[in-house]
Amino acid sequence: MNTRIGVVGIVIEDLEKVNFINEVLHEHANLIVGRMGIPYQKKGISVISLIIDGDTDEIGSLTGKLGNIQGVNVKSALTKK
């Protein structure tokens, strides 16, 4: 199986959705190598960065589920190989 290493940036504008986000991250815990979350209280948002390792289907499932949560913005960057 070919896996890719990458980073996923998650910006949470609706803090009431944090439980939904954590559920999705828990479902895909096998992909997550590292996680850093920063609450930015001045702006009323939170930012999570993930280091991930998985195939494109698994990563797409993770980012797709997160991106479908209202008030959550997701961007990813992956290695080419």
PDB file of N, CA and C in Angstrom:
ATOM      1  N   MET A   1       0.843  -1.184   0.000  1.00  0.00           N
ATOM      2  CA  MET A   1       0.000   0.000   0.000  1.00  0.00           C
ATOM      3  C   MET A   1       0.888   1.247   0.000  1.00  0.00           C
ATOM      4  N   ASN A   2       0.634   2.163  -0.928  1.00  0.00           N
ATOM      5  CA  ASN A   2       1.370   3.419  -0.989  1.00  0.00           C
ATOM      6  C   ASN A   2       0.715   4.436  -0.079  1.00  0.00           C
ATOM      7  N   THR A   3       1.503   4.935   0.863  1.00  0.00           N
ATOM      8  CA  THR A   3       0.973   5.968   1.744  1.00  0.00           C
ATOM      9  C   THR A   3       1.692   7.274   1.470  1.00  0.00           C
ATOM     10  N   ARG A   4       1.038   8.330   1.879  1.00  0.00           N
ATOM     11  CA  ARG A   4       1.610   9.664   1.730  1.00  0.00           C
ATOM     12  C   ARG A   4       1.683  10.318   3.104  1.00  0.00           C
ATOM     13  N   ILE A   5       2.692  11.136   3.270  1.00  0.00           N
ATOM     14  CA  ILE A   5       2.844  11.940   4.472  1.00  0.00           C
ATOM     15  C   ILE A   5       2.302  13.326   4.133  1.00  0.00           C
ATOM     16  N   GLY A   6       1.655  13.948   5.077  1.00  0.00           N
ATOM     17  CA  GLY A   6       1.132  15.273   4.805  1.00  0.00           C
ATOM     18  C   GLY A   6       0.748  16.021   6.057  1.00  0.00           C
ATOM     19  N   VAL A   7       0.230  17.198   5.825  1.00  0.00           N
ATOM     20  CA  VAL A   7      -0.258  18.056   6.901  1.00  0.00           C
ATOM     21  C   VAL A   7      -1.685  18.461   6.569  1.00  0.00           C
ATOM     22  N   VAL A   8      -2.528  18.482   7.584  1.00  0.00           N
ATOM     23  CA  VAL A   8      -3.908  18.938   7.436  1.00  0.00           C
ATOM     24  C   VAL A   8      -4.105  20.097   8.400  1.00  0.00           C
ATOM     25  N   GLY A   9      -4.562  21.216   7.874  1.00  0.00           N
ATOM     26  CA  GLY A   9      -4.881  22.383   8.694  1.00  0.00           C
ATOM     27  C   GLY A   9      -6.382  22.502   8.851  1.00  0.00           C
ATOM     28  N   ILE A  10      -6.828  22.666  10.081  1.00  0.00           N
ATOM     29  CA  ILE A  10      -8.258  22.753  10.381  1.00  0.00           C
ATOM     30  C   ILE A  10      -8.498  24.054  11.140  1.00  0.00           C
ATOM     31  N   VAL A  11      -9.356  24.914  10.605  1.00  0.00           N
ATOM     32  CA  VAL A  11      -9.731  26.155  11.281  1.00  0.00           C
ATOM     33  C   VAL A  11     -11.187  26.013  11.702  1.00  0.00           C
ATOM     34  N   ILE A  12     -11.416  26.140  12.998  1.00  0.00           N
ATOM     35  CA  ILE A  12     -12.757  25.955  13.565  1.00  0.00           C
ATOM     36  C   ILE A  12     -13.317  27.325  13.937  1.00  0.00           C
ATOM     37  N   GLU A  13     -14.317  27.755  13.182  1.00  0.00           N
ATOM     38  CA  GLU A  13     -14.959  29.044  13.448  1.00  0.00           C
ATOM     39  C   GLU A  13     -16.172  28.888  14.343  1.00  0.00           C
ATOM     40  N   ASP A  14     -16.780  27.724  14.358  1.00  0.00           N
ATOM     41  CA  ASP A  14     -17.931  27.439  15.219  1.00  0.00           C
ATOM     42  C   ASP A  14     -17.472  26.460  16.295  1.00  0.00           C
ATOM     43  N   LEU A  15     -17.128  26.990  17.452  1.00  0.00           N
ATOM     44  CA  LEU A  15     -16.550  26.171  18.506  1.00  0.00           C
ATOM     45  C   LEU A  15     -17.517  25.136  19.075  1.00  0.00           C
ATOM     46  N   GLU A  16     -18.788  25.275  18.783  1.00  0.00           N
ATOM     47  CA  GLU A  16     -19.763  24.271  19.215  1.00  0.00           C
ATOM     48  C   GLU A  16     -19.616  22.962  18.442  1.00  0.00           C
ATOM     49  N   LYS A  17     -18.828  22.959  17.375  1.00  0.00           N
ATOM     50  CA  LYS A  17     -18.627  21.768  16.541  1.00  0.00           C
ATOM     51  C   LYS A  17     -17.409  20.950  16.965  1.00  0.00           C
ATOM     52  N   VAL A  18     -16.745  21.354  18.034  1.00  0.00           N
ATOM     53  CA  VAL A  18     -15.513  20.679  18.454  1.00  0.00           C
ATOM     54  C   VAL A  18     -15.745  19.198  18.728  1.00  0.00           C
ATOM     55  N   ASN A  19     -16.863  18.833  19.341  1.00  0.00           N
ATOM     56  CA  ASN A  19     -17.139  17.416  19.625  1.00  0.00           C
ATOM     57  C   ASN A  19     -17.252  16.601  18.342  1.00  0.00           C
ATOM     58  N   PHE A  20     -17.897  17.153  17.309  1.00  0.00           N
ATOM     59  CA  PHE A  20     -18.007  16.454  16.025  1.00  0.00           C
ATOM     60  C   PHE A  20     -16.624  16.254  15.401  1.00  0.00           C
ATOM     61  N   ILE A  21     -15.795  17.287  15.504  1.00  0.00           N
ATOM     62  CA  ILE A  21     -14.446  17.211  14.949  1.00  0.00           C
ATOM     63  C   ILE A  21     -13.643  16.130  15.658  1.00  0.00           C
ATOM     64  N   ASN A  22     -13.711  16.119  16.976  1.00  0.00           N
ATOM     65  CA  ASN A  22     -12.965  15.116  17.734  1.00  0.00           C
ATOM     66  C   ASN A  22     -13.441  13.697  17.431  1.00  0.00           C
ATOM     67  N   GLU A  23     -14.737  13.509  17.171  1.00  0.00           N
ATOM     68  CA  GLU A  23     -15.247  12.194  16.783  1.00  0.00           C
ATOM     69  C   GLU A  23     -14.624  11.737  15.468  1.00  0.00           C
ATOM     70  N   VAL A  24     -14.565  12.633  14.485  1.00  0.00           N
ATOM     71  CA  VAL A  24     -13.981  12.300  13.186  1.00  0.00           C
ATOM     72  C   VAL A  24     -12.491  11.988  13.345  1.00  0.00           C
ATOM     73  N   LEU A  25     -11.797  12.793  14.128  1.00  0.00           N
ATOM     74  CA  LEU A  25     -10.368  12.544  14.344  1.00  0.00           C
ATOM     75  C   LEU A  25     -10.149  11.209  15.039  1.00  0.00           C
ATOM     76  N   HIS A  26     -11.013  10.873  15.968  1.00  0.00           N
ATOM     77  CA  HIS A  26     -10.896   9.580  16.657  1.00  0.00           C
ATOM     78  C   HIS A  26     -11.116   8.419  15.682  1.00  0.00           C
ATOM     79  N   GLU A  27     -12.087   8.565  14.765  1.00  0.00           N
ATOM     80  CA  GLU A  27     -12.351   7.527  13.760  1.00  0.00           C
ATOM     81  C   GLU A  27     -11.137   7.287  12.868  1.00  0.00           C
ATOM     82  N   HIS A  28     -10.327   8.306  12.665  1.00  0.00           N
ATOM     83  CA  HIS A  28      -9.176   8.234  11.763  1.00  0.00           C
ATOM     84  C   HIS A  28      -7.855   8.323  12.524  1.00  0.00           C
ATOM     85  N   ALA A  29      -7.861   7.915  13.779  1.00  0.00           N
ATOM     86  CA  ALA A  29      -6.671   8.028  14.628  1.00  0.00           C
ATOM     87  C   ALA A  29      -5.473   7.278  14.059  1.00  0.00           C
ATOM     88  N   ASN A  30      -5.733   6.210  13.307  1.00  0.00           N
ATOM     89  CA  ASN A  30      -4.632   5.428  12.732  1.00  0.00           C
ATOM     90  C   ASN A  30      -3.820   6.219  11.705  1.00  0.00           C
ATOM     91  N   LEU A  31      -4.355   7.298  11.178  1.00  0.00           N
ATOM     92  CA  LEU A  31      -3.649   8.135  10.201  1.00  0.00           C
ATOM     93  C   LEU A  31      -2.811   9.229  10.855  1.00  0.00           C
ATOM     94  N   ILE A  32      -3.145   9.573  12.087  1.00  0.00           N
ATOM     95  CA  ILE A  32      -2.577  10.760  12.729  1.00  0.00           C
ATOM     96  C   ILE A  32      -1.258  10.417  13.419  1.00  0.00           C
ATOM     97  N   VAL A  33      -0.198  11.056  12.937  1.00  0.00           N
ATOM     98  CA  VAL A  33       1.130  10.890  13.517  1.00  0.00           C
ATOM     99  C   VAL A  33       1.326  11.900  14.652  1.00  0.00           C
ATOM    100  N   GLY A  34       0.821  13.113  14.455  1.00  0.00           N
ATOM    101  CA  GLY A  34       0.931  14.167  15.457  1.00  0.00           C
ATOM    102  C   GLY A  34      -0.197  15.162  15.313  1.00  0.00           C
ATOM    103  N   ARG A  35      -0.489  15.839  16.423  1.00  0.00           N
ATOM    104  CA  ARG A  35      -1.601  16.793  16.435  1.00  0.00           C
ATOM    105  C   ARG A  35      -1.242  17.954  17.347  1.00  0.00           C
ATOM    106  N   MET A  36      -1.544  19.171  16.886  1.00  0.00           N
ATOM    107  CA  MET A  36      -1.366  20.356  17.711  1.00  0.00           C
ATOM    108  C   MET A  36      -2.614  21.214  17.577  1.00  0.00           C
ATOM    109  N   GLY A  37      -3.210  21.577  18.682  1.00  0.00           N
ATOM    110  CA  GLY A  37      -4.389  22.421  18.678  1.00  0.00           C
ATOM    111  C   GLY A  37      -4.137  23.693  19.452  1.00  0.00           C
ATOM    112  N   ILE A  38      -4.521  24.813  18.850  1.00  0.00           N
ATOM    113  CA  ILE A  38      -4.313  26.114  19.473  1.00  0.00           C
ATOM    114  C   ILE A  38      -5.635  26.875  19.496  1.00  0.00           C
ATOM    115  N   PRO A  39      -6.149  27.198  20.696  1.00  0.00           N
ATOM    116  CA  PRO A  39      -7.314  28.078  20.761  1.00  0.00           C
ATOM    117  C   PRO A  39      -6.850  29.529  20.590  1.00  0.00           C
ATOM    118  N   TYR A  40      -7.474  30.235  19.685  1.00  0.00           N
ATOM    119  CA  TYR A  40      -7.129  31.644  19.458  1.00  0.00           C
ATOM    120  C   TYR A  40      -8.297  32.462  19.985  1.00  0.00           C
ATOM    121  N   GLN A  41      -8.275  32.688  21.291  1.00  0.00           N
ATOM    122  CA  GLN A  41      -9.405  33.297  21.982  1.00  0.00           C
ATOM    123  C   GLN A  41      -9.701  34.709  21.501  1.00  0.00           C
ATOM    124  N   LYS A  42      -8.673  35.451  21.138  1.00  0.00           N
ATOM    125  CA  LYS A  42      -8.856  36.827  20.663  1.00  0.00           C
ATOM    126  C   LYS A  42      -9.780  36.876  19.451  1.00  0.00           C
ATOM    127  N   LYS A  43      -9.686  35.860  18.591  1.00  0.00           N
ATOM    128  CA  LYS A  43     -10.508  35.808  17.375  1.00  0.00           C
ATOM    129  C   LYS A  43     -11.722  34.892  17.518  1.00  0.00           C
ATOM    130  N   GLY A  44     -11.793  34.142  18.629  1.00  0.00           N
ATOM    131  CA  GLY A  44     -12.925  33.246  18.846  1.00  0.00           C
ATOM    132  C   GLY A  44     -12.898  32.014  17.960  1.00  0.00           C
ATOM    133  N   ILE A  45     -11.694  31.561  17.587  1.00  0.00           N
ATOM    134  CA  ILE A  45     -11.547  30.376  16.749  1.00  0.00           C
ATOM    135  C   ILE A  45     -10.537  29.425  17.381  1.00  0.00           C
ATOM    136  N   SER A  46     -10.430  28.244  16.829  1.00  0.00           N
ATOM    137  CA  SER A  46      -9.370  27.304  17.179  1.00  0.00           C
ATOM    138  C   SER A  46      -8.752  26.788  15.901  1.00  0.00           C
ATOM    139  N   VAL A  47      -7.469  26.439  15.985  1.00  0.00           N
ATOM    140  CA  VAL A  47      -6.740  25.915  14.837  1.00  0.00           C
ATOM    141  C   VAL A  47      -6.090  24.601  15.250  1.00  0.00           C
ATOM    142  N   ILE A  48      -6.277  23.574  14.425  1.00  0.00           N
ATOM    143  CA  ILE A  48      -5.658  22.279  14.661  1.00  0.00           C
ATOM    144  C   ILE A  48      -4.788  21.954  13.454  1.00  0.00           C
ATOM    145  N   SER A  49      -3.569  21.510  13.721  1.00  0.00           N
ATOM    146  CA  SER A  49      -2.726  21.013  12.632  1.00  0.00           C
ATOM    147  C   SER A  49      -2.427  19.545  12.900  1.00  0.00           C
ATOM    148  N   LEU A  50      -2.525  18.746  11.845  1.00  0.00           N
ATOM    149  CA  LEU A  50      -2.277  17.311  11.930  1.00  0.00           C
ATOM    150  C   LEU A  50      -1.137  16.925  11.004  1.00  0.00           C
ATOM    151  N   ILE A  51      -0.288  16.031  11.466  1.00  0.00           N
ATOM    152  CA  ILE A  51       0.662  15.353  10.595  1.00  0.00           C
ATOM    153  C   ILE A  51       0.054  13.979  10.356  1.00  0.00           C
ATOM    154  N   ILE A  52      -0.107  13.608   9.087  1.00  0.00           N
ATOM    155  CA  ILE A  52      -0.804  12.369   8.761  1.00  0.00           C
ATOM    156  C   ILE A  52       0.050  11.475   7.877  1.00  0.00           C
ATOM    157  N   ASP A  53      -0.287  10.180   7.914  1.00  0.00           N
ATOM    158  CA  ASP A  53       0.367   9.172   7.073  1.00  0.00           C
ATOM    159  C   ASP A  53      -0.704   8.162   6.689  1.00  0.00           C
ATOM    160  N   GLY A  54      -1.082   8.153   5.406  1.00  0.00           N
ATOM    161  CA  GLY A  54      -2.124   7.234   4.953  1.00  0.00           C
ATOM    162  C   GLY A  54      -2.246   7.263   3.449  1.00  0.00           C
ATOM    163  N   ASP A  55      -3.100   6.382   2.918  1.00  0.00           N
ATOM    164  CA  ASP A  55      -3.319   6.421   1.471  1.00  0.00           C
ATOM    165  C   ASP A  55      -4.316   7.526   1.141  1.00  0.00           C
ATOM    166  N   THR A  56      -4.402   7.862  -0.137  1.00  0.00           N
ATOM    167  CA  THR A  56      -5.213   9.010  -0.542  1.00  0.00           C
ATOM    168  C   THR A  56      -6.695   8.817  -0.233  1.00  0.00           C
ATOM    169  N   ASP A  57      -7.189   7.590  -0.281  1.00  0.00           N
ATOM    170  CA  ASP A  57      -8.595   7.343   0.048  1.00  0.00           C
ATOM    171  C   ASP A  57      -8.873   7.610   1.527  1.00  0.00           C
ATOM    172  N   GLU A  58      -7.972   7.144   2.386  1.00  0.00           N
ATOM    173  CA  GLU A  58      -8.144   7.357   3.831  1.00  0.00           C
ATOM    174  C   GLU A  58      -8.059   8.842   4.180  1.00  0.00           C
ATOM    175  N   ILE A  59      -7.091   9.520   3.594  1.00  0.00           N
ATOM    176  CA  ILE A  59      -6.922  10.948   3.859  1.00  0.00           C
ATOM    177  C   ILE A  59      -8.112  11.730   3.323  1.00  0.00           C
ATOM    178  N   GLY A  60      -8.590  11.340   2.141  1.00  0.00           N
ATOM    179  CA  GLY A  60      -9.770  11.983   1.571  1.00  0.00           C
ATOM    180  C   GLY A  60     -10.998  11.797   2.428  1.00  0.00           C
ATOM    181  N   SER A  61     -11.141  10.619   3.032  1.00  0.00           N
ATOM    182  CA  SER A  61     -12.265  10.365   3.930  1.00  0.00           C
ATOM    183  C   SER A  61     -12.194  11.298   5.142  1.00  0.00           C
ATOM    184  N   LEU A  62     -11.012  11.415   5.718  1.00  0.00           N
ATOM    185  CA  LEU A  62     -10.823  12.293   6.881  1.00  0.00           C
ATOM    186  C   LEU A  62     -11.137  13.742   6.533  1.00  0.00           C
ATOM    187  N   THR A  63     -10.503  14.260   5.493  1.00  0.00           N
ATOM    188  CA  THR A  63     -10.688  15.675   5.154  1.00  0.00           C
ATOM    189  C   THR A  63     -12.102  15.956   4.654  1.00  0.00           C
ATOM    190  N   GLY A  64     -12.696  14.988   3.956  1.00  0.00           N
ATOM    191  CA  GLY A  64     -14.065  15.165   3.478  1.00  0.00           C
ATOM    192  C   GLY A  64     -15.064  15.256   4.616  1.00  0.00           C
ATOM    193  N   LYS A  65     -14.929  14.370   5.599  1.00  0.00           N
ATOM    194  CA  LYS A  65     -15.836  14.407   6.751  1.00  0.00           C
ATOM    195  C   LYS A  65     -15.670  15.698   7.540  1.00  0.00           C
ATOM    196  N   LEU A  66     -14.421  16.125   7.718  1.00  0.00           N
ATOM    197  CA  LEU A  66     -14.190  17.376   8.440  1.00  0.00           C
ATOM    198  C   LEU A  66     -14.735  18.569   7.662  1.00  0.00           C
ATOM    199  N   GLY A  67     -14.518  18.571   6.353  1.00  0.00           N
ATOM    200  CA  GLY A  67     -14.962  19.681   5.518  1.00  0.00           C
ATOM    201  C   GLY A  67     -16.463  19.808   5.424  1.00  0.00           C
ATOM    202  N   ASN A  68     -17.191  18.723   5.707  1.00  0.00           N
ATOM    203  CA  ASN A  68     -18.656  18.763   5.668  1.00  0.00           C
ATOM    204  C   ASN A  68     -19.276  19.301   6.951  1.00  0.00           C
ATOM    205  N   ILE A  69     -18.460  19.554   7.958  1.00  0.00           N
ATOM    206  CA  ILE A  69     -18.964  20.125   9.199  1.00  0.00           C
ATOM    207  C   ILE A  69     -19.049  21.637   9.032  1.00  0.00           C
ATOM    208  N   GLN A  70     -20.243  22.187   9.216  1.00  0.00           N
ATOM    209  CA  GLN A  70     -20.452  23.631   9.071  1.00  0.00           C
ATOM    210  C   GLN A  70     -19.601  24.392  10.088  1.00  0.00           C
ATOM    211  N   GLY A  71     -18.944  25.438   9.644  1.00  0.00           N
ATOM    212  CA  GLY A  71     -18.109  26.248  10.524  1.00  0.00           C
ATOM    213  C   GLY A  71     -16.690  25.741  10.644  1.00  0.00           C
ATOM    214  N   VAL A  72     -16.312  24.776   9.784  1.00  0.00           N
ATOM    215  CA  VAL A  72     -14.974  24.190   9.819  1.00  0.00           C
ATOM    216  C   VAL A  72     -14.365  24.305   8.423  1.00  0.00           C
ATOM    217  N   ASN A  73     -13.130  24.817   8.356  1.00  0.00           N
ATOM    218  CA  ASN A  73     -12.394  24.924   7.097  1.00  0.00           C
ATOM    219  C   ASN A  73     -11.186  23.987   7.162  1.00  0.00           C
ATOM    220  N   VAL A  74     -10.955  23.245   6.088  1.00  0.00           N
ATOM    221  CA  VAL A  74      -9.904  22.231   6.061  1.00  0.00           C
ATOM    222  C   VAL A  74      -9.075  22.376   4.788  1.00  0.00           C
ATOM    223  N   LYS A  75      -7.764  22.308   4.942  1.00  0.00           N
ATOM    224  CA  LYS A  75      -6.834  22.296   3.808  1.00  0.00           C
ATOM    225  C   LYS A  75      -5.765  21.254   4.093  1.00  0.00           C
ATOM    226  N   SER A  76      -5.303  20.606   3.028  1.00  0.00           N
ATOM    227  CA  SER A  76      -4.262  19.597   3.209  1.00  0.00           C
ATOM    228  C   SER A  76      -3.171  19.750   2.146  1.00  0.00           C
ATOM    229  N   ALA A  77      -1.997  19.285   2.495  1.00  0.00           N
ATOM    230  CA  ALA A  77      -0.869  19.222   1.569  1.00  0.00           C
ATOM    231  C   ALA A  77      -0.201  17.866   1.795  1.00  0.00           C
ATOM    232  N   LEU A  78       0.031  17.137   0.689  1.00  0.00           N
ATOM    233  CA  LEU A  78       0.588  15.776   0.780  1.00  0.00           C
ATOM    234  C   LEU A  78       1.837  15.648  -0.060  1.00  0.00           C
ATOM    235  N   THR A  79       2.681  14.676   0.312  1.00  0.00           N
ATOM    236  CA  THR A  79       3.818  14.350  -0.520  1.00  0.00           C
ATOM    237  C   THR A  79       3.313  13.793  -1.842  1.00  0.00           C
ATOM    238  N   LYS A  80       4.093  13.888  -2.888  1.00  0.00           N
ATOM    239  CA  LYS A  80       3.683  13.386  -4.194  1.00  0.00           C
ATOM    240  C   LYS A  80       3.798  11.877  -4.308  1.00  0.00           C
ATOM    241  N   LYS A  81       4.687  11.264  -3.532  1.00  0.00           N
ATOM    242  CA  LYS A  81       4.887   9.814  -3.604  1.00  0.00           C
ATOM    243  C   LYS A  81       4.404   9.142  -2.353  1.00  0.00           C
TER     244      LYS A  81
END
